[in-house]
Amino acid sequence: MATTQHYLWASGHFILLLASFRYYLGWVTFKAVPTWWFKASFTGALISYAITPQPNLAYVKRALTDENVQYFLLALYWFSSRTPIAITLLPYMIFSLFHALTFTRTTLFPQFLPPGPPASAGGPPGPHPLAKRLQAWVKANYDTAMKLVAYTELVVFVRVFLGAITFQNAIIAPLLYVHFLRQRYYQSAFTRNAIATTTSLIDKYITKANNPIVSQVYDKIKMLVQRWGGSGIIEPQPTPANARR
């Protein structure tokens, strides 16, 4: 049976979905949308990814390797930012969609829908057919959604990097976000694949351009990034069975 904490966790995901949908609806139709909707979306994220700190070093060390903590801290930064950046909501929306659907299937449906027929004669009742279809959809689309999240997070970095150069967002934003991506690289196979694919495309473009100066600059930047990315990384802890990825 779901606990109060579980319902609170789910409420955060539903708040995020509803508020972000309203924000994006105005954004894509070029209508003025109050910043309140953006902050409401990340309020939902903060509720869902909330952490309970403990006053000891061991907890802090574990927390730094926990992806829920990383997304919580990132949500806190976006929530406190002066200028909303619409695309930063998309990864959270995708996560919340799958969490909300799973919560609906496992917790809400059994309360409102009758059970389905048993899988075998004399066996216990099975889930309602609608719950089965929802579970099948989630399972079939999960990997694709996680790939979309990984590529979107790379786009977010490009957005905040260019935003820092053009003074559209804080200079610290790309610095914080690249550290976030660095940790995601070591924790998520989807992120590693997205970075590898993107790097391969850039390599092909640079080779095709056949410009020695550009190639030398690119190779040096690539070498520095690789050295930085592999130094002092916090090794992730084993991922629990019910973790997001």
Protein backbone atom coordinates (compact mmCIF):
# COMPACT_ATOMS: atom_id res chain seq x y z
CA MET A 1 0.00 0.00 0.00
CA ALA A 2 1.30 3.47 -0.92
CA THR A 3 2.55 5.60 1.95
CA THR A 4 2.06 9.30 2.51
CA GLN A 5 5.60 9.88 1.29
CA HIS A 6 4.82 7.98 -1.90
CA TYR A 7 1.74 10.12 -2.53
CA LEU A 8 3.78 13.26 -1.88
CA TRP A 9 6.44 12.05 -4.34
CA ALA A 10 3.76 11.40 -6.97
CA SER A 11 2.06 14.75 -6.36
CA GLY A 12 5.33 16.48 -7.21
CA HIS A 13 5.46 14.70 -10.57
CA PHE A 14 1.84 15.57 -11.36
CA ILE A 15 2.42 19.23 -10.40
CA LEU A 16 5.50 19.33 -12.62
CA LEU A 17 3.62 17.83 -15.57
CA LEU A 18 0.61 20.13 -15.33
CA ALA A 19 2.58 23.33 -14.71
CA SER A 20 5.20 22.63 -17.36
CA PHE A 21 2.52 21.72 -19.92
CA ARG A 22 0.85 25.07 -19.26
CA TYR A 23 4.20 26.86 -19.54
CA TYR A 24 5.13 25.13 -22.81
CA LEU A 25 1.65 25.74 -24.25
CA GLY A 26 2.16 29.47 -23.94
CA TRP A 27 5.80 29.24 -25.03
CA VAL A 28 5.12 27.38 -28.31
CA THR A 29 2.19 29.66 -29.16
CA PHE A 30 4.32 32.77 -28.54
CA LYS A 31 2.03 33.98 -25.77
CA ALA A 32 3.27 35.63 -22.61
CA VAL A 33 3.42 33.07 -19.83
CA PRO A 34 3.88 34.14 -16.20
CA THR A 35 7.19 33.01 -14.73
CA TRP A 36 5.07 31.53 -11.96
CA TRP A 37 4.34 28.49 -14.13
CA PHE A 38 8.03 27.84 -14.66
CA LYS A 39 8.70 28.04 -10.94
CA ALA A 40 5.64 25.92 -10.18
CA SER A 41 7.04 23.23 -12.46
CA PHE A 42 10.33 23.11 -10.60
CA THR A 43 8.47 23.26 -7.30
CA GLY A 44 6.99 19.93 -8.32
CA ALA A 45 10.48 18.67 -9.14
CA LEU A 46 11.78 19.79 -5.75
CA ILE A 47 8.94 17.95 -4.02
CA SER A 48 9.61 14.74 -5.93
CA TYR A 49 13.39 14.84 -5.65
CA ALA A 50 13.43 16.16 -2.10
CA ILE A 51 16.19 14.85 0.13
CA THR A 52 16.43 14.50 3.89
CA PRO A 53 19.93 15.61 4.88
CA GLN A 54 21.80 13.99 7.73
CA PRO A 55 24.55 15.76 9.68
CA ASN A 56 27.42 13.42 8.81
CA LEU A 57 30.15 13.18 6.18
CA ALA A 58 29.17 9.69 5.04
CA TYR A 59 25.73 10.92 4.00
CA VAL A 60 27.19 13.86 2.08
CA LYS A 61 29.56 11.57 0.20
CA ARG A 62 26.74 9.21 -0.73
CA ALA A 63 24.47 12.08 -1.69
CA LEU A 64 26.97 13.46 -4.20
CA THR A 65 26.80 10.19 -6.15
CA ASP A 66 23.00 9.92 -6.04
CA GLU A 67 21.31 10.99 -9.27
CA ASN A 68 18.16 12.04 -7.41
CA VAL A 69 20.26 14.48 -5.39
CA GLN A 70 21.92 15.76 -8.56
CA TYR A 71 18.56 16.41 -10.22
CA PHE A 72 17.26 17.97 -7.01
CA LEU A 73 20.17 20.42 -6.83
CA LEU A 74 19.85 21.22 -10.52
CA ALA A 75 16.10 21.84 -10.10
CA LEU A 76 16.87 24.13 -7.18
CA TYR A 77 19.23 26.15 -9.38
CA TRP A 78 16.71 26.46 -12.22
CA PHE A 79 14.00 27.38 -9.72
CA SER A 80 16.12 30.20 -8.31
CA SER A 81 17.30 31.49 -11.70
CA ARG A 82 16.08 34.91 -12.70
CA THR A 83 15.51 34.03 -16.35
CA PRO A 84 13.47 30.92 -17.16
CA ILE A 85 15.04 28.63 -19.76
CA ALA A 86 12.20 26.62 -21.25
CA ILE A 87 14.21 23.63 -22.46
CA THR A 88 15.49 22.89 -18.96
CA LEU A 89 12.02 21.61 -18.10
CA LEU A 90 11.93 18.94 -20.80
CA PRO A 91 14.11 16.25 -19.12
CA TYR A 92 12.12 16.63 -15.90
CA MET A 93 8.85 16.41 -17.83
CA ILE A 94 9.89 13.15 -19.45
CA PHE A 95 10.91 11.61 -16.13
CA SER A 96 7.71 12.79 -14.48
CA LEU A 97 5.56 11.41 -17.30
CA PHE A 98 6.90 7.90 -16.79
CA HIS A 99 6.77 8.14 -12.99
CA ALA A 100 3.21 9.49 -13.09
CA LEU A 101 2.06 6.76 -15.48
CA THR A 102 3.63 4.06 -13.34
CA PHE A 103 2.07 5.50 -10.18
CA THR A 104 -1.30 5.66 -11.91
CA ARG A 105 -1.02 2.03 -13.01
CA THR A 106 0.24 0.56 -9.76
CA THR A 107 -1.55 2.73 -7.18
CA LEU A 108 -4.53 4.59 -8.64
CA PHE A 109 -5.95 2.05 -11.08
CA PRO A 110 -6.39 -0.69 -8.44
CA GLN A 111 -8.50 1.73 -6.41
CA PHE A 112 -10.87 2.70 -9.23
CA LEU A 113 -10.81 -0.12 -11.79
CA PRO A 114 -11.97 -3.69 -11.25
CA PRO A 115 -9.34 -6.42 -11.53
CA GLY A 116 -8.91 -8.25 -14.79
CA PRO A 117 -9.36 -11.96 -15.44
CA PRO A 118 -6.85 -14.36 -13.87
CA ALA A 119 -3.85 -15.38 -15.95
CA SER A 120 -4.69 -19.03 -15.37
CA ALA A 121 -7.72 -20.98 -14.23
CA GLY A 122 -8.14 -20.68 -10.49
CA GLY A 123 -5.36 -18.10 -10.24
CA PRO A 124 -5.54 -14.66 -8.63
CA PRO A 125 -7.15 -11.80 -10.56
CA GLY A 126 -4.84 -10.00 -12.94
CA PRO A 127 -4.53 -6.26 -13.55
CA HIS A 128 -7.18 -4.40 -15.50
CA PRO A 129 -6.61 -4.48 -19.31
CA LEU A 130 -6.03 -0.71 -19.29
CA ALA A 131 -3.25 -1.18 -16.74
CA LYS A 132 -1.70 -3.85 -18.95
CA ARG A 133 -1.75 -1.55 -21.98
CA LEU A 134 -0.23 1.27 -19.96
CA GLN A 135 2.54 -1.00 -18.67
CA ALA A 136 3.28 -2.18 -22.20
CA TRP A 137 3.48 1.40 -23.49
CA VAL A 138 5.86 2.46 -20.71
CA LYS A 139 8.08 -0.55 -21.31
CA ALA A 140 8.13 -0.06 -25.09
CA ASN A 141 8.95 3.65 -24.94
CA TYR A 142 11.24 3.90 -21.92
CA ASP A 143 14.58 3.55 -23.70
CA THR A 144 13.57 5.99 -26.43
CA ALA A 145 12.52 8.53 -23.81
CA MET A 146 15.80 8.16 -21.92
CA LYS A 147 17.73 8.70 -25.16
CA LEU A 148 15.71 11.87 -25.72
CA VAL A 149 16.56 13.03 -22.20
CA ALA A 150 20.29 12.45 -22.80
CA TYR A 151 20.33 14.44 -26.05
CA THR A 152 18.14 17.16 -24.57
CA GLU A 153 20.58 17.60 -21.70
CA LEU A 154 23.37 18.17 -24.25
CA VAL A 155 21.20 20.79 -25.95
CA VAL A 156 20.60 22.43 -22.57
CA PHE A 157 24.36 22.76 -22.12
CA VAL A 158 24.73 24.39 -25.55
CA ARG A 159 21.88 26.76 -24.67
CA VAL A 160 23.32 27.88 -21.34
CA PHE A 161 26.84 28.11 -22.82
CA LEU A 162 25.66 30.42 -25.60
CA GLY A 163 23.44 32.21 -23.10
CA ALA A 164 26.44 32.94 -20.89
CA ILE A 165 28.38 34.36 -23.85
CA THR A 166 25.47 36.57 -24.90
CA PHE A 167 24.59 37.48 -21.29
CA GLN A 168 21.17 35.84 -21.48
CA ASN A 169 21.85 33.73 -18.41
CA ALA A 170 24.37 33.62 -15.58
CA ILE A 171 27.97 32.77 -16.43
CA ILE A 172 27.94 30.15 -13.69
CA ALA A 173 25.14 28.19 -15.42
CA PRO A 174 27.33 26.36 -17.99
CA LEU A 175 29.97 25.69 -15.32
CA LEU A 176 27.44 24.03 -13.06
CA TYR A 177 25.79 22.19 -15.90
CA VAL A 178 28.99 20.78 -17.38
CA HIS A 179 29.81 19.33 -13.96
CA PHE A 180 26.33 17.79 -13.90
CA LEU A 181 26.90 16.28 -17.36
CA ARG A 182 30.28 14.98 -16.29
CA GLN A 183 28.68 12.99 -13.49
CA ARG A 184 25.85 11.85 -15.75
CA TYR A 185 28.44 10.51 -18.20
CA TYR A 186 29.72 8.08 -15.58
CA GLN A 187 26.28 7.13 -14.31
CA SER A 188 24.16 6.84 -17.43
CA ALA A 189 24.76 4.67 -20.50
CA PHE A 190 22.27 6.86 -22.37
CA THR A 191 24.39 9.95 -21.71
CA ARG A 192 27.58 8.16 -22.75
CA ASN A 193 25.98 7.06 -26.02
CA ALA A 194 24.63 10.55 -26.70
CA ILE A 195 28.04 12.14 -26.12
CA ALA A 196 29.81 9.50 -28.22
CA THR A 197 27.39 9.96 -31.12
CA THR A 198 27.59 13.76 -30.95
CA THR A 199 31.39 13.68 -30.76
CA SER A 200 31.53 11.37 -33.76
CA LEU A 201 29.37 13.75 -35.81
CA ILE A 202 31.57 16.71 -34.86
CA ASP A 203 34.70 14.70 -35.73
CA LYS A 204 33.30 13.96 -39.20
CA TYR A 205 32.40 17.62 -39.72
CA ILE A 206 35.85 18.82 -38.66
CA THR A 207 37.54 16.25 -40.92
CA LYS A 208 35.31 17.21 -43.84
CA ALA A 209 36.08 20.90 -43.33
CA ASN A 210 39.79 20.10 -43.90
CA ASN A 211 40.98 23.18 -41.99
CA PRO A 212 44.29 22.48 -40.15
CA ILE A 213 43.89 25.36 -37.71
CA VAL A 214 40.34 24.39 -36.77
CA SER A 215 41.43 20.75 -36.45
CA GLN A 216 44.32 21.63 -34.14
CA VAL A 217 42.15 23.82 -31.91
CA TYR A 218 39.43 21.15 -31.81
CA ASP A 219 41.91 18.39 -30.94
CA LYS A 220 43.38 20.44 -28.08
CA ILE A 221 39.94 21.29 -26.71
CA LYS A 222 38.91 17.65 -26.99
CA MET A 223 42.05 16.49 -25.18
CA LEU A 224 41.51 18.98 -22.35
CA VAL A 225 37.89 17.95 -21.96
CA GLN A 226 38.85 14.28 -21.86
CA ARG A 227 41.51 14.92 -19.22
CA TRP A 228 39.17 17.02 -17.12
CA GLY A 229 36.32 14.56 -17.49
CA GLY A 230 38.40 11.67 -16.21
CA SER A 231 40.03 13.41 -13.25
CA GLY A 232 38.66 13.27 -9.73
CA ILE A 233 35.35 11.84 -10.79
CA ILE A 234 33.06 10.64 -8.04
CA GLU A 235 32.39 6.99 -8.74
CA PRO A 236 28.69 6.21 -8.68
CA GLN A 237 27.30 3.75 -6.16
CA PRO A 238 25.51 0.60 -7.41
CA THR A 239 22.15 1.59 -8.89
CA PRO A 240 19.16 0.31 -6.93
CA ALA A 241 16.65 -1.84 -8.79
CA ASN A 242 13.99 0.88 -8.62
CA ALA A 243 16.26 3.70 -9.76
CA ARG A 244 15.38 5.89 -12.69
CA ARG A 245 18.02 4.52 -15.09
